[in-house]
Protein backbone atom coordinates (compact mmCIF):
# COMPACT_ATOMS: atom_id res chain seq x y z
CA MET A 1 -11.54 -18.70 19.66
CA THR A 2 -7.83 -18.61 19.40
CA LEU A 3 -5.67 -16.51 22.21
CA GLN A 4 -4.92 -13.90 19.34
CA GLN A 5 -8.73 -13.43 18.88
CA ALA A 6 -9.48 -12.71 22.34
CA GLU A 7 -7.00 -10.03 22.24
CA LEU A 8 -8.96 -8.06 19.75
CA PRO A 9 -11.43 -5.39 20.72
CA ALA A 10 -14.78 -6.70 20.44
CA PRO A 11 -16.65 -4.87 17.58
CA GLY A 12 -19.82 -3.06 17.98
CA PRO A 13 -23.06 -4.26 16.77
CA ASP A 14 -23.29 -1.98 13.99
CA ALA A 15 -20.11 -3.38 12.67
CA ARG A 16 -20.96 -7.03 13.58
CA ALA A 17 -24.06 -6.47 11.26
CA ALA A 18 -21.94 -4.84 8.36
CA SER A 19 -19.65 -8.02 8.65
CA ALA A 20 -22.61 -10.49 8.34
CA ALA A 21 -23.84 -9.32 5.54
CA LEU A 22 -20.53 -8.97 3.81
CA SER A 23 -20.13 -12.63 5.03
CA ARG A 24 -23.61 -13.95 3.61
CA LEU A 25 -22.58 -11.60 -0.01
CA ILE A 26 -19.45 -13.57 0.07
CA ALA A 27 -21.00 -17.12 0.62
CA GLU A 28 -23.46 -16.40 -2.23
CA GLU A 29 -20.10 -15.54 -4.61
CA ILE A 30 -18.60 -19.19 -3.12
CA GLY A 31 -21.83 -21.12 -4.15
CA ALA A 32 -22.36 -19.40 -7.74
CA HIS A 33 -18.82 -20.47 -7.67
CA GLY A 34 -19.06 -24.50 -6.95
CA GLY A 35 -18.13 -24.33 -3.41
CA TRP A 36 -14.41 -22.38 -3.72
CA LEU A 37 -13.09 -19.01 -4.19
CA SER A 38 -9.75 -17.76 -4.51
CA PHE A 39 -8.03 -15.95 -1.48
CA ALA A 40 -7.44 -13.07 -4.00
CA ARG A 41 -11.14 -12.93 -4.75
CA TYR A 42 -12.06 -13.19 -0.94
CA MET A 43 -9.60 -10.52 -0.23
CA GLU A 44 -11.01 -8.26 -3.13
CA LEU A 45 -14.13 -8.81 -1.61
CA ALA A 46 -13.41 -8.55 2.15
CA LEU A 47 -11.64 -5.00 1.12
CA TYR A 48 -13.38 -3.50 -1.50
CA ALA A 49 -17.17 -4.73 -1.75
CA PRO A 50 -19.35 -1.99 -2.14
CA GLY A 51 -20.65 -0.26 1.04
CA LEU A 52 -19.50 -3.24 2.71
CA GLY A 53 -15.79 -3.78 2.31
CA TYR A 54 -13.08 -2.48 4.55
CA TYR A 55 -12.28 0.23 2.34
CA ALA A 56 -15.35 0.69 0.48
CA GLY A 57 -17.83 0.60 4.08
CA GLY A 58 -18.18 3.16 6.98
CA ALA A 59 -15.39 2.41 9.16
CA HIS A 60 -12.81 4.93 10.24
CA LYS A 61 -9.52 3.27 9.23
CA PHE A 62 -6.78 5.73 9.06
CA GLY A 63 -5.83 7.61 12.77
CA ASP A 64 -4.74 6.84 16.38
CA HIS A 65 -6.03 5.07 19.27
CA GLU A 66 -8.46 8.23 19.77
CA ALA A 67 -9.58 8.74 16.45
CA GLY A 68 -10.46 4.68 16.53
CA GLY A 69 -8.71 4.23 13.52
CA ASP A 70 -7.04 0.85 12.46
CA PHE A 71 -3.48 1.99 11.73
CA LEU A 72 -1.06 5.20 10.96
CA THR A 73 0.60 5.86 7.83
CA ALA A 74 3.43 7.89 7.29
CA PRO A 75 1.54 10.80 6.27
CA GLU A 76 -0.21 10.96 9.26
CA LEU A 77 2.80 11.43 11.21
CA THR A 78 4.03 14.31 10.20
CA PRO A 79 3.96 16.94 7.12
CA LEU A 80 7.54 16.66 7.05
CA PHE A 81 7.09 12.89 5.17
CA ALA A 82 4.97 15.22 2.29
CA ALA A 83 7.65 17.81 2.34
CA ALA A 84 10.63 15.34 2.31
CA LEU A 85 8.64 13.55 -0.87
CA ALA A 86 7.74 16.65 -2.13
CA ARG A 87 11.46 17.43 -3.30
CA GLN A 88 11.48 14.07 -5.11
CA VAL A 89 8.04 14.58 -6.76
CA ALA A 90 9.31 18.24 -8.11
CA GLN A 91 12.29 16.86 -9.93
CA VAL A 92 9.85 14.16 -11.82
CA ILE A 93 7.88 16.61 -12.79
CA ALA A 94 10.24 19.77 -14.09
CA ALA A 95 11.49 16.93 -15.88
CA SER A 96 8.10 15.70 -17.43
CA SER A 97 4.93 17.65 -17.11
CA PRO A 98 3.31 19.43 -14.19
CA GLN A 99 0.72 16.85 -13.44
CA VAL A 100 0.76 14.41 -10.06
CA ILE A 101 -1.21 12.01 -9.66
CA GLU A 102 -2.10 10.16 -6.34
CA ALA A 103 -3.12 6.37 -6.16
CA GLY A 104 -5.42 5.50 -2.77
CA ALA A 105 -5.07 8.61 -1.38
CA GLY A 106 -6.19 7.42 2.21
CA SER A 107 -7.66 10.35 4.59
CA GLY A 108 -6.51 12.82 2.16
CA ARG A 109 -3.53 14.27 4.07
CA LEU A 110 -0.38 13.14 1.84
CA ALA A 111 -2.44 15.45 -1.03
CA ALA A 112 -2.76 18.04 1.14
CA ASP A 113 0.57 18.16 2.54
CA LEU A 114 2.11 17.48 -0.76
CA LEU A 115 0.33 20.18 -2.58
CA THR A 116 1.33 23.14 0.41
CA ALA A 117 5.05 21.58 0.28
CA LEU A 118 5.16 21.96 -3.94
CA ALA A 119 3.74 25.35 -3.45
CA ALA A 120 6.59 26.53 -0.98
CA MET A 121 8.89 25.40 -3.52
CA ASP A 122 7.11 27.25 -6.50
CA CYS A 123 6.62 24.00 -7.96
CA LEU A 124 2.74 23.98 -7.79
CA PRO A 125 1.46 21.33 -10.19
CA GLU A 126 -1.23 22.55 -12.67
CA ARG A 127 -3.72 19.17 -11.82
CA TYR A 128 -3.74 17.03 -8.68
CA ARG A 129 -5.61 13.91 -9.59
CA ILE A 130 -6.42 11.28 -7.08
CA LEU A 131 -6.97 7.81 -8.22
CA GLU A 132 -10.08 6.55 -5.65
CA LEU A 133 -12.67 3.79 -5.68
CA SER A 134 -13.99 4.18 -2.47
CA GLY A 135 -16.89 6.66 -1.73
CA GLU A 136 -16.55 6.97 2.08
CA LEU A 137 -12.54 7.29 1.26
CA ARG A 138 -13.14 9.97 -1.34
CA ALA A 139 -15.52 12.19 0.86
CA ARG A 140 -13.05 11.88 3.78
CA GLN A 141 -10.47 13.13 0.94
CA GLN A 142 -12.38 16.14 -0.14
CA ALA A 143 -13.01 17.32 3.36
CA THR A 144 -9.63 16.68 4.71
CA LEU A 145 -8.22 18.71 1.46
CA ALA A 146 -11.06 21.63 2.32
CA ALA A 147 -9.97 22.16 5.62
CA ARG A 148 -5.87 21.69 5.01
CA ALA A 149 -5.29 23.05 1.78
CA PRO A 150 -8.75 25.19 0.16
CA GLN A 151 -6.58 26.91 -1.28
CA PHE A 152 -5.77 24.26 -3.96
CA ALA A 153 -9.41 23.18 -4.61
CA ASP A 154 -9.33 24.06 -8.28
CA ARG A 155 -5.87 22.02 -9.22
CA VAL A 156 -7.28 18.53 -7.38
CA GLU A 157 -9.78 16.30 -8.90
CA TRP A 158 -10.87 12.76 -8.20
CA LEU A 159 -10.49 9.68 -10.88
CA ASP A 160 -12.78 6.67 -11.40
CA GLU A 161 -9.87 5.00 -13.38
CA LEU A 162 -6.31 5.90 -14.73
CA PRO A 163 -6.34 8.10 -18.19
CA GLU A 164 -5.22 6.42 -21.25
CA HIS A 165 -2.16 8.28 -21.31
CA PHE A 166 -0.58 10.68 -18.60
CA SER A 167 2.80 12.42 -18.09
CA GLY A 168 4.12 13.28 -14.61
CA CYS A 169 4.37 12.04 -11.90
CA LEU A 170 2.16 8.79 -9.80
CA VAL A 171 2.94 8.61 -5.79
CA GLY A 172 1.26 5.57 -4.50
CA ASN A 173 1.86 5.11 -0.41
CA GLU A 174 1.19 2.19 0.86
CA LEU A 175 -1.04 0.86 -1.89
CA LEU A 176 0.23 -2.43 -3.48
CA ASP A 177 0.27 -4.38 0.17
CA ALA A 178 -3.63 -3.87 0.00
CA MET A 179 -3.95 -5.31 -3.99
CA PRO A 180 -5.69 -8.51 -3.80
CA THR A 181 -3.23 -11.69 -3.47
CA HIS A 182 -3.15 -15.60 -4.12
CA ALA A 183 -2.21 -17.56 -1.38
CA LEU A 184 -0.11 -20.85 -2.05
CA ARG A 185 0.87 -24.00 0.24
CA TRP A 186 4.01 -26.06 -1.44
CA SER A 187 3.52 -29.35 -0.70
CA ASP A 188 6.07 -31.57 0.84
CA GLY A 189 4.73 -34.57 -1.15
CA THR A 190 1.65 -35.73 0.80
CA ASP A 191 -0.88 -33.61 -1.36
CA GLU A 192 -1.68 -35.20 -4.99
CA ALA A 193 -0.64 -31.79 -6.08
CA ALA A 194 3.01 -30.08 -5.43
CA LEU A 195 1.34 -26.68 -5.48
CA LEU A 196 -1.82 -25.80 -3.93
CA GLU A 197 -3.84 -22.70 -3.96
CA ARG A 198 -5.16 -21.73 -0.91
CA GLY A 199 -8.73 -20.27 -1.02
CA VAL A 200 -12.31 -19.96 0.93
CA GLY A 201 -14.76 -22.50 0.95
CA LEU A 202 -18.04 -22.88 3.60
CA LYS A 203 -17.94 -25.42 6.27
CA ASP A 204 -21.17 -25.67 8.34
CA SER A 205 -22.39 -22.47 6.25
CA GLU A 206 -19.06 -20.83 7.70
CA LEU A 207 -16.64 -19.50 5.79
CA ALA A 208 -13.55 -21.72 5.92
CA ALA A 209 -9.93 -22.04 4.59
CA ALA A 210 -10.05 -24.15 1.73
CA GLU A 211 -7.20 -25.55 -1.09
CA ARG A 212 -6.94 -26.81 -4.62
CA PRO A 213 -4.20 -27.37 -7.07
CA ALA A 214 -2.73 -24.02 -8.57
CA THR A 215 -3.29 -23.71 -12.20
CA GLY A 216 -2.49 -21.33 -14.91
CA ALA A 217 -0.48 -17.94 -14.65
CA LEU A 218 -0.58 -18.40 -10.78
CA LEU A 219 0.95 -21.73 -10.98
CA ALA A 220 3.65 -20.74 -13.59
CA ALA A 221 4.45 -17.78 -11.38
CA ALA A 222 4.63 -20.17 -8.02
CA GLU A 223 7.08 -22.73 -9.90
CA ALA A 224 9.36 -20.05 -11.35
CA LEU A 225 10.28 -18.82 -7.85
CA GLY A 226 11.89 -22.13 -7.10
CA ILE A 227 10.59 -22.84 -3.16
CA ARG A 228 11.57 -25.86 -1.78
CA ALA A 229 8.57 -27.54 0.04
CA PRO A 230 7.05 -27.22 2.76
CA TYR A 231 6.16 -23.64 2.37
CA ARG A 232 3.23 -21.19 2.62
CA GLY A 233 3.38 -17.73 0.83
CA GLU A 234 1.79 -15.32 -1.20
CA ILE A 235 1.61 -14.09 -4.63
CA SER A 236 -0.06 -10.94 -5.93
CA LEU A 237 -0.58 -11.21 -9.72
CA ALA A 238 -2.70 -8.09 -9.20
CA ALA A 239 -0.19 -5.91 -8.55
CA ARG A 240 2.14 -7.14 -11.60
CA SER A 241 -0.84 -6.07 -13.51
CA TRP A 242 -1.42 -2.79 -12.14
CA VAL A 243 1.84 -1.98 -12.47
CA SER A 244 2.25 -3.44 -16.02
CA GLU A 245 -0.85 -1.45 -17.02
CA LEU A 246 0.37 1.84 -15.20
CA ALA A 247 3.85 1.55 -17.57
CA ARG A 248 1.85 1.28 -20.60
CA ARG A 249 -0.03 4.33 -19.94
CA LEU A 250 3.02 6.75 -18.77
CA GLU A 251 4.52 8.49 -21.60
CA GLN A 252 6.85 10.30 -19.63
CA GLY A 253 7.59 10.65 -15.79
CA ALA A 254 8.09 8.34 -13.30
CA LEU A 255 5.75 6.42 -10.56
CA LEU A 256 6.74 6.28 -7.29
CA LEU A 257 5.82 3.28 -5.05
CA ILE A 258 6.23 3.37 -1.28
CA ASP A 259 4.87 0.42 0.77
CA TYR A 260 6.61 -2.38 2.92
CA GLY A 261 7.91 -5.15 1.41
CA LEU A 262 11.44 -6.91 0.42
CA PRO A 263 13.22 -8.34 -2.96
CA ARG A 264 12.05 -11.86 -4.06
CA HIS A 265 14.91 -13.71 -2.10
CA GLU A 266 14.43 -12.13 1.03
CA LEU A 267 10.44 -11.96 0.77
CA TYR A 268 10.89 -15.96 -0.11
CA HIS A 269 13.67 -16.94 2.07
CA PRO A 270 13.17 -20.03 3.84
CA LEU A 271 13.23 -19.23 6.89
CA ARG A 272 10.34 -16.68 6.07
CA ASP A 273 8.10 -19.87 5.48
CA GLY A 274 4.56 -19.00 7.16
CA GLY A 275 4.27 -16.06 4.29
CA THR A 276 3.48 -12.12 5.34
CA LEU A 277 -0.31 -12.34 5.22
CA ARG A 278 -1.25 -9.99 8.08
CA CYS A 279 -4.50 -8.10 9.47
CA HIS A 280 -5.01 -4.70 11.12
CA TYR A 281 -7.70 -3.89 13.60
CA ARG A 282 -7.89 -0.87 16.19
CA HIS A 283 -4.08 -0.75 16.04
CA ARG A 284 -3.37 -4.51 16.66
CA VAL A 285 -2.05 -7.10 14.26
CA HIS A 286 -3.65 -10.28 13.69
CA GLU A 287 -3.55 -13.46 11.26
CA ASP A 288 -7.16 -14.44 11.03
CA PRO A 289 -8.46 -12.85 7.50
CA PHE A 290 -12.01 -14.89 8.15
CA TRP A 291 -12.32 -12.75 11.45
CA PHE A 292 -15.13 -10.38 10.86
CA PRO A 293 -14.68 -9.95 7.54
CA GLY A 294 -14.70 -6.15 6.59
CA LEU A 295 -13.58 -5.14 9.65
CA SER A 296 -9.68 -5.73 9.54
CA ASP A 297 -7.39 -4.31 6.62
CA ILE A 298 -5.52 -7.21 4.96
CA THR A 299 -2.10 -6.93 3.97
CA THR A 300 0.87 -8.92 2.34
CA HIS A 301 4.83 -7.55 2.00
CA VAL A 302 5.37 -6.50 -1.50
CA ASP A 303 7.16 -8.81 -4.12
CA PHE A 304 9.67 -6.02 -5.20
CA THR A 305 11.36 -7.66 -7.96
CA ALA A 306 8.05 -8.46 -9.44
CA VAL A 307 6.86 -4.56 -9.15
CA ALA A 308 10.59 -3.93 -10.74
CA GLU A 309 10.07 -6.51 -13.40
CA ALA A 310 6.82 -5.36 -14.22
CA GLY A 311 7.73 -1.99 -15.14
CA PHE A 312 10.66 -3.53 -16.69
CA ASP A 313 9.15 -5.62 -19.40
CA ALA A 314 6.46 -2.93 -20.08
CA GLY A 315 9.26 -0.33 -20.99
CA LEU A 316 10.09 1.44 -18.01
CA LYS A 317 13.57 2.01 -16.16
CA VAL A 318 14.08 1.19 -12.74
CA LEU A 319 15.19 4.43 -11.53
CA GLY A 320 15.96 3.70 -8.15
CA PHE A 321 14.96 1.52 -5.22
CA THR A 322 15.89 1.71 -1.72
CA SER A 323 14.59 1.66 2.06
CA GLN A 324 12.29 4.87 3.52
CA ALA A 325 14.85 5.77 5.73
CA ASN A 326 17.26 6.48 2.87
CA PHE A 327 15.22 8.02 0.60
CA LEU A 328 14.04 10.49 3.29
CA LEU A 329 17.11 11.14 4.40
CA ASN A 330 18.44 11.79 0.63
CA CYS A 331 15.63 14.01 0.38
CA GLY A 332 16.73 16.08 3.34
CA ILE A 333 14.28 15.25 5.77
CA GLY A 334 16.88 16.10 8.43
CA ASP A 335 17.15 19.81 7.06
CA LEU A 336 13.47 20.38 7.06
CA LEU A 337 13.30 18.79 10.81
CA GLN A 338 15.86 21.44 11.79
CA THR A 339 13.91 24.30 9.55
CA SER A 340 11.21 23.68 11.50
CA LYS A 341 12.71 23.75 14.43
CA VAL A 342 14.05 27.28 14.15
CA ASP A 343 10.90 28.50 12.67
CA ALA A 344 9.57 27.68 15.84
CA GLY A 345 12.46 29.00 18.20
CA ASP A 346 15.23 27.73 19.97
CA THR A 347 12.90 26.37 22.76
CA ALA A 348 12.03 22.78 21.78
CA SER A 349 8.14 23.22 21.72
CA ALA A 350 5.62 20.41 22.29
CA ASP A 351 5.62 20.67 18.35
CA ASP A 352 9.18 20.04 17.81
CA LEU A 353 9.32 17.20 20.41
CA ARG A 354 6.74 15.50 18.49
CA ALA A 355 7.86 16.18 15.11
CA ARG A 356 11.76 14.60 16.28
CA GLY A 357 9.33 11.75 17.78
CA ALA A 358 7.79 11.06 14.19
CA VAL A 359 10.58 11.31 11.75
CA ASN A 360 12.36 8.95 14.30
CA VAL A 361 9.40 6.66 13.26
CA LEU A 362 9.63 7.59 10.16
CA LEU A 363 13.92 6.88 9.88
CA SER A 364 14.46 4.01 12.90
CA PRO A 365 15.50 0.49 11.28
CA ASN A 366 13.13 -1.07 14.19
CA GLU A 367 10.12 1.27 12.96
CA MET A 368 9.10 2.05 9.41
CA GLY A 369 12.71 3.24 8.21
CA GLU A 370 13.69 -0.09 7.02
CA LEU A 371 10.60 -2.11 6.76
CA PHE A 372 9.22 0.16 4.02
CA LYS A 373 10.89 0.38 0.62
CA VAL A 374 10.48 2.86 -2.18
CA ILE A 375 10.90 2.19 -5.82
CA ALA A 376 10.97 4.44 -8.60
CA LEU A 377 9.90 3.33 -12.07
CA GLY A 378 10.32 6.07 -15.32
CA ARG A 379 10.46 6.76 -19.07
CA GLY A 380 12.41 9.77 -20.43
CA VAL A 381 13.64 11.05 -16.69
CA PRO A 382 17.11 11.71 -16.55
CA GLY A 383 18.69 10.39 -13.33
CA PRO A 384 19.88 10.16 -10.79
CA LEU A 385 16.97 10.66 -8.66
CA LEU A 386 17.35 12.74 -5.61
CA GLY A 387 15.99 10.22 -3.25
CA PHE A 388 18.19 7.55 -4.56
CA ALA A 389 21.51 9.41 -4.30
CA ARG A 390 22.76 7.60 -1.75
CA ALA A 391 22.10 4.02 -0.91
CA ASP A 392 20.66 2.64 -3.73
CA ARG A 393 19.71 -0.99 -3.53
CA VAL A 394 18.66 -1.48 -7.42
CA HIS A 395 21.20 -4.42 -7.65
CA ALA A 396 19.32 -5.88 -4.77
CA LEU A 397 16.48 -6.29 -7.10
């Protein structure tokens, strides 16, 4: 056990049993595939295996320490996040179609707050569709919407897959970082292959890291990066494919994708030679994806250059790229915070102080403000978009 693992809260017996069942499932698949799985496939199973994966099991993923969650997302911090985002969504649907799709809706908090904010702007979409593959999360989203926004129940529906064609605005908050990613090691010449794909095998019947030469599309994508060995990093072919598929289906409107990540030249910088693979468990970060599979979220930073290229190559225009802080400020989150204080009265209340603290987390460069980025890809939507009116960084892609 590493020092980092020793500092993690011990899972309970039910969680351990579920993890053991998932480990057996993964081991069986490793055996069925000749003793090796790509890390992308392992990550897919660890996060999404029906009934056992992190997002498909019964664990409580989102929320604060008291709620037993593993991490906080921006919508959980304050409804002002959704209120600011609603101003950008309203601009997109006014220029295309009054339809919103949210991909991967988490706890359902963003959906509830976004619908409330759009209604206050007299810009309520005709349909708000949620693409969610996890039955456990879908049930939680339904409960959240029933509690926080029951008046919009007739406008909300859940999708098992994307519609063949759609117009309007698609929102994805902290979605791309959890898509399966391939892991690689650029060899310094001591191995037979210069590019090695890191994956998973079995050692003494336990899951263990294993490597083999990279091939096919992964090899081509890795070689295109021009990285100097030795180096370790990740490439998400799944995220590129997903954006390309969205672009094919989007007739008019925009994709608004919010996540933590960097442009390619920053993400694959020589000083970032250990990769960005991280795991989240009970508000702690660790780097061992094989520690009790299924109990930790597994994420990597998003290559926003790859996202922009995938959309552009499929016919979309890159409408904007900036930090979360700049995006929210452009969308007027400062004014929204001030308005909420006026509504509450001139005396600073506990709610007002919490709102100020939450907004500070959303905007601070030492918190979420700079780490998280926002990219907009669209077709048939006139610009400029509100959220990128100032400090647009498309040139950095």
